[in-house]
Every structure is written in structure tokens, then in C-alpha cells.
Amino acid sequence: YIVIWYGNLPEKAAWYLMRNSSGWSWVIAMAVL
């Protein structure tokens, strides 16, 4: 995640942005917790 986000890779960052919407950010947060 860090390499893709801070490496300024827009196409790959879009994959993460899709999983940061519609409540999916809560899913990965619960997975980590």
C-alpha cells in the first residue's frame, strides 16, 4: 500500500480507492483490528 500510494501510481491507487468507498474501508479496518 505504501509503495503504491507514495510512489504516485494512479492506476494502482484506483484499486485501493475502490476499496476505500461504500464502507469497504471499515471492512479492512475490522480485519486489521
ModelCIF file with pLDDT and N, C-alpha, C, O atoms, coordinates in Angstrom:
data_MODEL
#
_entry.id   MODEL 
#
_entity.id                         1 
_entity.type                       polymer 
_entity.pdbx_number_of_molecules   1 
#
_entity_poly.entity_id                      1 
_entity_poly.type                           'polypeptide(L)' 
_entity_poly.nstd_linkage                   no 
_entity_poly.nstd_monomer                   no 
_entity_poly.pdbx_seq_one_letter_code       YIVIWYGNLPEKAAWYLMRNSSGWSWVIAMAVL 
_entity_poly.pdbx_seq_one_letter_code_can   YIVIWYGNLPEKAAWYLMRNSSGWSWVIAMAVL 
_entity_poly.pdbx_strand_id                 A 
#
loop_
_entity_poly_seq.entity_id 
_entity_poly_seq.num 
_entity_poly_seq.mon_id 
_entity_poly_seq.hetero 
1 1  TYR n 
1 2  ILE n 
1 3  VAL n 
1 4  ILE n 
1 5  TRP n 
1 6  TYR n 
1 7  GLY n 
1 8  ASN n 
1 9  LEU n 
1 10 PRO n 
1 11 GLU n 
1 12 LYS n 
1 13 ALA n 
1 14 ALA n 
1 15 TRP n 
1 16 TYR n 
1 17 LEU n 
1 18 MET n 
1 19 ARG n 
1 20 ASN n 
1 21 SER n 
1 22 SER n 
1 23 GLY n 
1 24 TRP n 
1 25 SER n 
1 26 TRP n 
1 27 VAL n 
1 28 ILE n 
1 29 ALA n 
1 30 MET n 
1 31 ALA n 
1 32 VAL n 
1 33 LEU n 
#
_struct_asym.id          A 
_struct_asym.entity_id   1 
#
loop_
_ma_qa_metric.id 
_ma_qa_metric.mode 
_ma_qa_metric.name 
_ma_qa_metric.software_group_id 
_ma_qa_metric.type 
1 global pLDDT . pLDDT 
2 local  pLDDT . pLDDT 
#
_ma_qa_metric_global.metric_id      1 
_ma_qa_metric_global.metric_value   87.30 
_ma_qa_metric_global.model_id       1 
_ma_qa_metric_global.ordinal_id     1 
#
loop_
_ma_qa_metric_local.label_asym_id 
_ma_qa_metric_local.label_comp_id 
_ma_qa_metric_local.label_seq_id 
_ma_qa_metric_local.metric_id 
_ma_qa_metric_local.metric_value 
_ma_qa_metric_local.model_id 
_ma_qa_metric_local.ordinal_id 
A TYR 1  2 87.00 1 1  
A ILE 2  2 88.00 1 2  
A VAL 3  2 86.00 1 3  
A ILE 4  2 84.00 1 4  
A TRP 5  2 80.00 1 5  
A TYR 6  2 82.00 1 6  
A GLY 7  2 80.00 1 7  
A ASN 8  2 79.00 1 8  
A LEU 9  2 79.00 1 9  
A PRO 10 2 80.00 1 10 
A GLU 11 2 77.00 1 11 
A LYS 12 2 82.00 1 12 
A ALA 13 2 84.00 1 13 
A ALA 14 2 85.00 1 14 
A TRP 15 2 88.00 1 15 
A TYR 16 2 88.00 1 16 
A LEU 17 2 86.00 1 17 
A MET 18 2 88.00 1 18 
A ARG 19 2 88.00 1 19 
A ASN 20 2 86.00 1 20 
A SER 21 2 82.00 1 21 
A SER 22 2 83.00 1 22 
A GLY 23 2 88.00 1 23 
A TRP 24 2 93.00 1 24 
A SER 25 2 93.00 1 25 
A TRP 26 2 95.00 1 26 
A VAL 27 2 95.00 1 27 
A ILE 28 2 95.00 1 28 
A ALA 29 2 95.00 1 29 
A MET 30 2 96.00 1 30 
A ALA 31 2 96.00 1 31 
A VAL 32 2 96.00 1 32 
A LEU 33 2 97.00 1 33 
#
loop_
_atom_site.group_PDB 
_atom_site.id 
_atom_site.type_symbol 
_atom_site.label_atom_id 
_atom_site.label_alt_id 
_atom_site.label_comp_id 
_atom_site.label_asym_id 
_atom_site.label_entity_id 
_atom_site.label_seq_id 
_atom_site.pdbx_PDB_ins_code 
_atom_site.Cartn_x 
_atom_site.Cartn_y 
_atom_site.Cartn_z 
_atom_site.occupancy 
_atom_site.B_iso_or_equiv 
_atom_site.pdbx_formal_charge 
_atom_site.auth_seq_id 
_atom_site.auth_comp_id 
_atom_site.auth_asym_id 
_atom_site.auth_atom_id 
_atom_site.pdbx_PDB_model_num 
ATOM 1   N N  . TYR A 1 1  ? 0.830   -1.210 0.000   1.00 87.00 ? 1  TYR A N  1 
ATOM 2   C CA . TYR A 1 1  ? 0.000   0.000  0.000   1.00 87.00 ? 1  TYR A CA 1 
ATOM 3   C C  . TYR A 1 1  ? 0.864   1.259  0.000   1.00 87.00 ? 1  TYR A C  1 
ATOM 4   O O  . TYR A 1 1  ? 0.610   2.193  -0.762  1.00 87.00 ? 1  TYR A O  1 
ATOM 5   N N  . ILE A 1 2  ? 1.883   1.282  0.854   1.00 88.00 ? 2  ILE A N  1 
ATOM 6   C CA . ILE A 1 2  ? 2.725   2.471  0.960   1.00 88.00 ? 2  ILE A CA 1 
ATOM 7   C C  . ILE A 1 2  ? 3.486   2.728  -0.342  1.00 88.00 ? 2  ILE A C  1 
ATOM 8   O O  . ILE A 1 2  ? 3.566   3.865  -0.807  1.00 88.00 ? 2  ILE A O  1 
ATOM 9   N N  . VAL A 1 3  ? 4.037   1.672  -0.921  1.00 86.00 ? 3  VAL A N  1 
ATOM 10  C CA . VAL A 1 3  ? 4.803   1.838  -2.166  1.00 86.00 ? 3  VAL A CA 1 
ATOM 11  C C  . VAL A 1 3  ? 3.923   2.380  -3.275  1.00 86.00 ? 3  VAL A C  1 
ATOM 12  O O  . VAL A 1 3  ? 4.335   3.280  -4.008  1.00 86.00 ? 3  VAL A O  1 
ATOM 13  N N  . ILE A 1 4  ? 2.716   1.845  -3.408  1.00 84.00 ? 4  ILE A N  1 
ATOM 14  C CA . ILE A 1 4  ? 1.825   2.279  -4.487  1.00 84.00 ? 4  ILE A CA 1 
ATOM 15  C C  . ILE A 1 4  ? 1.315   3.699  -4.228  1.00 84.00 ? 4  ILE A C  1 
ATOM 16  O O  . ILE A 1 4  ? 1.281   4.520  -5.145  1.00 84.00 ? 4  ILE A O  1 
ATOM 17  N N  . TRP A 1 5  ? 0.925   3.986  -3.009  1.00 80.00 ? 5  TRP A N  1 
ATOM 18  C CA . TRP A 1 5  ? 0.343   5.295  -2.709  1.00 80.00 ? 5  TRP A CA 1 
ATOM 19  C C  . TRP A 1 5  ? 1.378   6.414  -2.808  1.00 80.00 ? 5  TRP A C  1 
ATOM 20  O O  . TRP A 1 5  ? 1.150   7.425  -3.472  1.00 80.00 ? 5  TRP A O  1 
ATOM 21  N N  . TYR A 1 6  ? 2.509   6.224  -2.146  1.00 82.00 ? 6  TYR A N  1 
ATOM 22  C CA . TYR A 1 6  ? 3.516   7.282  -2.157  1.00 82.00 ? 6  TYR A CA 1 
ATOM 23  C C  . TYR A 1 6  ? 4.403   7.241  -3.390  1.00 82.00 ? 6  TYR A C  1 
ATOM 24  O O  . TYR A 1 6  ? 5.174   8.171  -3.627  1.00 82.00 ? 6  TYR A O  1 
ATOM 25  N N  . GLY A 1 7  ? 4.306   6.182  -4.175  1.00 80.00 ? 7  GLY A N  1 
ATOM 26  C CA . GLY A 1 7  ? 5.016   6.151  -5.448  1.00 80.00 ? 7  GLY A CA 1 
ATOM 27  C C  . GLY A 1 7  ? 4.275   6.869  -6.550  1.00 80.00 ? 7  GLY A C  1 
ATOM 28  O O  . GLY A 1 7  ? 4.740   6.929  -7.688  1.00 80.00 ? 7  GLY A O  1 
ATOM 29  N N  . ASN A 1 8  ? 3.093   7.428  -6.206  1.00 79.00 ? 8  ASN A N  1 
ATOM 30  C CA . ASN A 1 8  ? 2.300   8.200  -7.169  1.00 79.00 ? 8  ASN A CA 1 
ATOM 31  C C  . ASN A 1 8  ? 1.988   7.360  -8.409  1.00 79.00 ? 8  ASN A C  1 
ATOM 32  O O  . ASN A 1 8  ? 2.309   7.734  -9.538  1.00 79.00 ? 8  ASN A O  1 
ATOM 33  N N  . LEU A 1 9  ? 1.346   6.206  -8.159  1.00 79.00 ? 9  LEU A N  1 
ATOM 34  C CA . LEU A 1 9  ? 0.942   5.316  -9.240  1.00 79.00 ? 9  LEU A CA 1 
ATOM 35  C C  . LEU A 1 9  ? -0.584  5.351  -9.342  1.00 79.00 ? 9  LEU A C  1 
ATOM 36  O O  . LEU A 1 9  ? -1.261  4.549  -8.699  1.00 79.00 ? 9  LEU A O  1 
ATOM 37  N N  . PRO A 1 10 ? -1.132  6.269  -10.141 1.00 80.00 ? 10 PRO A N  1 
ATOM 38  C CA . PRO A 1 10 ? -2.588  6.496  -10.143 1.00 80.00 ? 10 PRO A CA 1 
ATOM 39  C C  . PRO A 1 10 ? -3.408  5.261  -10.502 1.00 80.00 ? 10 PRO A C  1 
ATOM 40  O O  . PRO A 1 10 ? -4.446  5.022  -9.885  1.00 80.00 ? 10 PRO A O  1 
ATOM 41  N N  . GLU A 1 11 ? -2.970  4.470  -11.482 1.00 77.00 ? 11 GLU A N  1 
ATOM 42  C CA . GLU A 1 11 ? -3.765  3.324  -11.907 1.00 77.00 ? 11 GLU A CA 1 
ATOM 43  C C  . GLU A 1 11 ? -3.894  2.292  -10.782 1.00 77.00 ? 11 GLU A C  1 
ATOM 44  O O  . GLU A 1 11 ? -4.954  1.699  -10.581 1.00 77.00 ? 11 GLU A O  1 
ATOM 45  N N  . LYS A 1 12 ? -2.799  2.094  -10.061 1.00 82.00 ? 12 LYS A N  1 
ATOM 46  C CA . LYS A 1 12 ? -2.847  1.144  -8.960  1.00 82.00 ? 12 LYS A CA 1 
ATOM 47  C C  . LYS A 1 12 ? -3.548  1.743  -7.740  1.00 82.00 ? 12 LYS A C  1 
ATOM 48  O O  . LYS A 1 12 ? -4.223  1.033  -6.995  1.00 82.00 ? 12 LYS A O  1 
ATOM 49  N N  . ALA A 1 13 ? -3.385  3.044  -7.540  1.00 84.00 ? 13 ALA A N  1 
ATOM 50  C CA . ALA A 1 13 ? -4.071  3.693  -6.427  1.00 84.00 ? 13 ALA A CA 1 
ATOM 51  C C  . ALA A 1 13 ? -5.580  3.612  -6.593  1.00 84.00 ? 13 ALA A C  1 
ATOM 52  O O  . ALA A 1 13 ? -6.308  3.570  -5.602  1.00 84.00 ? 13 ALA A O  1 
ATOM 53  N N  . ALA A 1 14 ? -6.065  3.588  -7.847  1.00 85.00 ? 14 ALA A N  1 
ATOM 54  C CA . ALA A 1 14 ? -7.507  3.490  -8.096  1.00 85.00 ? 14 ALA A CA 1 
ATOM 55  C C  . ALA A 1 14 ? -8.080  2.188  -7.533  1.00 85.00 ? 14 ALA A C  1 
ATOM 56  O O  . ALA A 1 14 ? -9.231  2.154  -7.096  1.00 85.00 ? 14 ALA A O  1 
ATOM 57  N N  . TRP A 1 15 ? -7.289  1.126  -7.542  1.00 88.00 ? 15 TRP A N  1 
ATOM 58  C CA . TRP A 1 15 ? -7.735  -0.158 -6.986  1.00 88.00 ? 15 TRP A CA 1 
ATOM 59  C C  . TRP A 1 15 ? -7.999  -0.021 -5.491  1.00 88.00 ? 15 TRP A C  1 
ATOM 60  O O  . TRP A 1 15 ? -8.978  -0.559 -4.974  1.00 88.00 ? 15 TRP A O  1 
ATOM 61  N N  . TYR A 1 16 ? -7.115  0.708  -4.795  1.00 88.00 ? 16 TYR A N  1 
ATOM 62  C CA . TYR A 1 16 ? -7.293  0.935  -3.371  1.00 88.00 ? 16 TYR A CA 1 
ATOM 63  C C  . TYR A 1 16 ? -8.451  1.900  -3.110  1.00 88.00 ? 16 TYR A C  1 
ATOM 64  O O  . TYR A 1 16 ? -9.199  1.727  -2.148  1.00 88.00 ? 16 TYR A O  1 
ATOM 65  N N  . LEU A 1 17 ? -8.598  2.914  -3.963  1.00 86.00 ? 17 LEU A N  1 
ATOM 66  C CA . LEU A 1 17 ? -9.684  3.877  -3.771  1.00 86.00 ? 17 LEU A CA 1 
ATOM 67  C C  . LEU A 1 17 ? -11.039 3.189  -3.886  1.00 86.00 ? 17 LEU A C  1 
ATOM 68  O O  . LEU A 1 17 ? -11.976 3.537  -3.167  1.00 86.00 ? 17 LEU A O  1 
ATOM 69  N N  . MET A 1 18 ? -11.147 2.215  -4.787  1.00 88.00 ? 18 MET A N  1 
ATOM 70  C CA . MET A 1 18 ? -12.398 1.464  -4.915  1.00 88.00 ? 18 MET A CA 1 
ATOM 71  C C  . MET A 1 18 ? -12.718 0.721  -3.627  1.00 88.00 ? 18 MET A C  1 
ATOM 72  O O  . MET A 1 18 ? -13.887 0.567  -3.272  1.00 88.00 ? 18 MET A O  1 
ATOM 73  N N  . ARG A 1 19 ? -11.692 0.262  -2.929  1.00 88.00 ? 19 ARG A N  1 
ATOM 74  C CA . ARG A 1 19 ? -11.868 -0.475 -1.667  1.00 88.00 ? 19 ARG A CA 1 
ATOM 75  C C  . ARG A 1 19 ? -11.844 0.441  -0.453  1.00 88.00 ? 19 ARG A C  1 
ATOM 76  O O  . ARG A 1 19 ? -11.799 -0.018 0.688   1.00 88.00 ? 19 ARG A O  1 
ATOM 77  N N  . ASN A 1 20 ? -11.875 1.752  -0.719  1.00 86.00 ? 20 ASN A N  1 
ATOM 78  C CA . ASN A 1 20 ? -11.977 2.728  0.359   1.00 86.00 ? 20 ASN A CA 1 
ATOM 79  C C  . ASN A 1 20 ? -13.339 3.411  0.355   1.00 86.00 ? 20 ASN A C  1 
ATOM 80  O O  . ASN A 1 20 ? -13.581 4.332  1.135   1.00 86.00 ? 20 ASN A O  1 
ATOM 81  N N  . SER A 1 21 ? -14.231 2.954  -0.530  1.00 82.00 ? 21 SER A N  1 
ATOM 82  C CA . SER A 1 21 ? -15.555 3.559  -0.663  1.00 82.00 ? 21 SER A CA 1 
ATOM 83  C C  . SER A 1 21 ? -16.628 2.538  -0.292  1.00 82.00 ? 21 SER A C  1 
ATOM 84  O O  . SER A 1 21 ? -16.349 1.348  -0.147  1.00 82.00 ? 21 SER A O  1 
ATOM 85  N N  . SER A 1 22 ? -17.859 3.023  -0.142  1.00 83.00 ? 22 SER A N  1 
ATOM 86  C CA . SER A 1 22 ? -19.031 2.175  0.125   1.00 83.00 ? 22 SER A CA 1 
ATOM 87  C C  . SER A 1 22 ? -18.849 1.308  1.377   1.00 83.00 ? 22 SER A C  1 
ATOM 88  O O  . SER A 1 22 ? -19.368 0.194  1.447   1.00 83.00 ? 22 SER A O  1 
ATOM 89  N N  . GLY A 1 23 ? -18.127 1.815  2.338   1.00 88.00 ? 23 GLY A N  1 
ATOM 90  C CA . GLY A 1 23 ? -17.977 1.090  3.591   1.00 88.00 ? 23 GLY A CA 1 
ATOM 91  C C  . GLY A 1 23 ? -16.873 0.065  3.618   1.00 88.00 ? 23 GLY A C  1 
ATOM 92  O O  . GLY A 1 23 ? -16.663 -0.571 4.651   1.00 88.00 ? 23 GLY A O  1 
ATOM 93  N N  . TRP A 1 24 ? -16.157 -0.123 2.527   1.00 93.00 ? 24 TRP A N  1 
ATOM 94  C CA . TRP A 1 24 ? -15.118 -1.149 2.492   1.00 93.00 ? 24 TRP A CA 1 
ATOM 95  C C  . TRP A 1 24 ? -13.911 -0.785 3.343   1.00 93.00 ? 24 TRP A C  1 
ATOM 96  O O  . TRP A 1 24 ? -13.164 -1.665 3.770   1.00 93.00 ? 24 TRP A O  1 
ATOM 97  N N  . SER A 1 25 ? -13.717 0.505  3.593   1.00 93.00 ? 25 SER A N  1 
ATOM 98  C CA . SER A 1 25 ? -12.614 0.888  4.482   1.00 93.00 ? 25 SER A CA 1 
ATOM 99  C C  . SER A 1 25 ? -12.850 0.352  5.896   1.00 93.00 ? 25 SER A C  1 
ATOM 100 O O  . SER A 1 25 ? -11.897 0.042  6.611   1.00 93.00 ? 25 SER A O  1 
ATOM 101 N N  . TRP A 1 26 ? -14.130 0.244  6.300   1.00 95.00 ? 26 TRP A N  1 
ATOM 102 C CA . TRP A 1 26 ? -14.442 -0.325 7.608   1.00 95.00 ? 26 TRP A CA 1 
ATOM 103 C C  . TRP A 1 26 ? -14.160 -1.820 7.639   1.00 95.00 ? 26 TRP A C  1 
ATOM 104 O O  . TRP A 1 26 ? -13.790 -2.365 8.679   1.00 95.00 ? 26 TRP A O  1 
ATOM 105 N N  . VAL A 1 27 ? -14.332 -2.473 6.514   1.00 95.00 ? 27 VAL A N  1 
ATOM 106 C CA . VAL A 1 27 ? -14.078 -3.916 6.462   1.00 95.00 ? 27 VAL A CA 1 
ATOM 107 C C  . VAL A 1 27 ? -12.598 -4.207 6.691   1.00 95.00 ? 27 VAL A C  1 
ATOM 108 O O  . VAL A 1 27 ? -12.251 -5.078 7.488   1.00 95.00 ? 27 VAL A O  1 
ATOM 109 N N  . ILE A 1 28 ? -11.730 -3.480 5.996   1.00 95.00 ? 28 ILE A N  1 
ATOM 110 C CA . ILE A 1 28 ? -10.301 -3.742 6.177   1.00 95.00 ? 28 ILE A CA 1 
ATOM 111 C C  . ILE A 1 28 ? -9.844  -3.268 7.563   1.00 95.00 ? 28 ILE A C  1 
ATOM 112 O O  . ILE A 1 28 ? -8.926  -3.843 8.148   1.00 95.00 ? 28 ILE A O  1 
ATOM 113 N N  . ALA A 1 29 ? -10.490 -2.216 8.083   1.00 95.00 ? 29 ALA A N  1 
ATOM 114 C CA . ALA A 1 29 ? -10.149 -1.782 9.439   1.00 95.00 ? 29 ALA A CA 1 
ATOM 115 C C  . ALA A 1 29 ? -10.507 -2.857 10.461  1.00 95.00 ? 29 ALA A C  1 
ATOM 116 O O  . ALA A 1 29 ? -9.736  -3.124 11.383  1.00 95.00 ? 29 ALA A O  1 
ATOM 117 N N  . MET A 1 30 ? -11.687 -3.478 10.295  1.00 96.00 ? 30 MET A N  1 
ATOM 118 C CA . MET A 1 30 ? -12.080 -4.553 11.199  1.00 96.00 ? 30 MET A CA 1 
ATOM 119 C C  . MET A 1 30 ? -11.177 -5.774 11.017  1.00 96.00 ? 30 MET A C  1 
ATOM 120 O O  . MET A 1 30 ? -10.867 -6.466 11.987  1.00 96.00 ? 30 MET A O  1 
ATOM 121 N N  . ALA A 1 31 ? -10.755 -6.041 9.777   1.00 96.00 ? 31 ALA A N  1 
ATOM 122 C CA . ALA A 1 31 ? -9.844  -7.161 9.532   1.00 96.00 ? 31 ALA A CA 1 
ATOM 123 C C  . ALA A 1 31 ? -8.537  -6.962 10.273  1.00 96.00 ? 31 ALA A C  1 
ATOM 124 O O  . ALA A 1 31 ? -8.014  -7.894 10.883  1.00 96.00 ? 31 ALA A O  1 
ATOM 125 N N  . VAL A 1 32 ? -8.010  -5.749 10.220  1.00 96.00 ? 32 VAL A N  1 
ATOM 126 C CA . VAL A 1 32 ? -6.744  -5.457 10.906  1.00 96.00 ? 32 VAL A CA 1 
ATOM 127 C C  . VAL A 1 32 ? -6.926  -5.518 12.425  1.00 96.00 ? 32 VAL A C  1 
ATOM 128 O O  . VAL A 1 32 ? -6.086  -6.067 13.138  1.00 96.00 ? 32 VAL A O  1 
ATOM 129 N N  . LEU A 1 33 ? -8.034  -4.947 12.912  1.00 97.00 ? 33 LEU A N  1 
ATOM 130 C CA . LEU A 1 33 ? -8.260  -4.919 14.356  1.00 97.00 ? 33 LEU A CA 1 
ATOM 131 C C  . LEU A 1 33 ? -8.508  -6.313 14.917  1.00 97.00 ? 33 LEU A C  1 
ATOM 132 O O  . LEU A 1 33 ? -8.717  -6.466 16.120  1.00 97.00 ? 33 LEU A O  1 
#
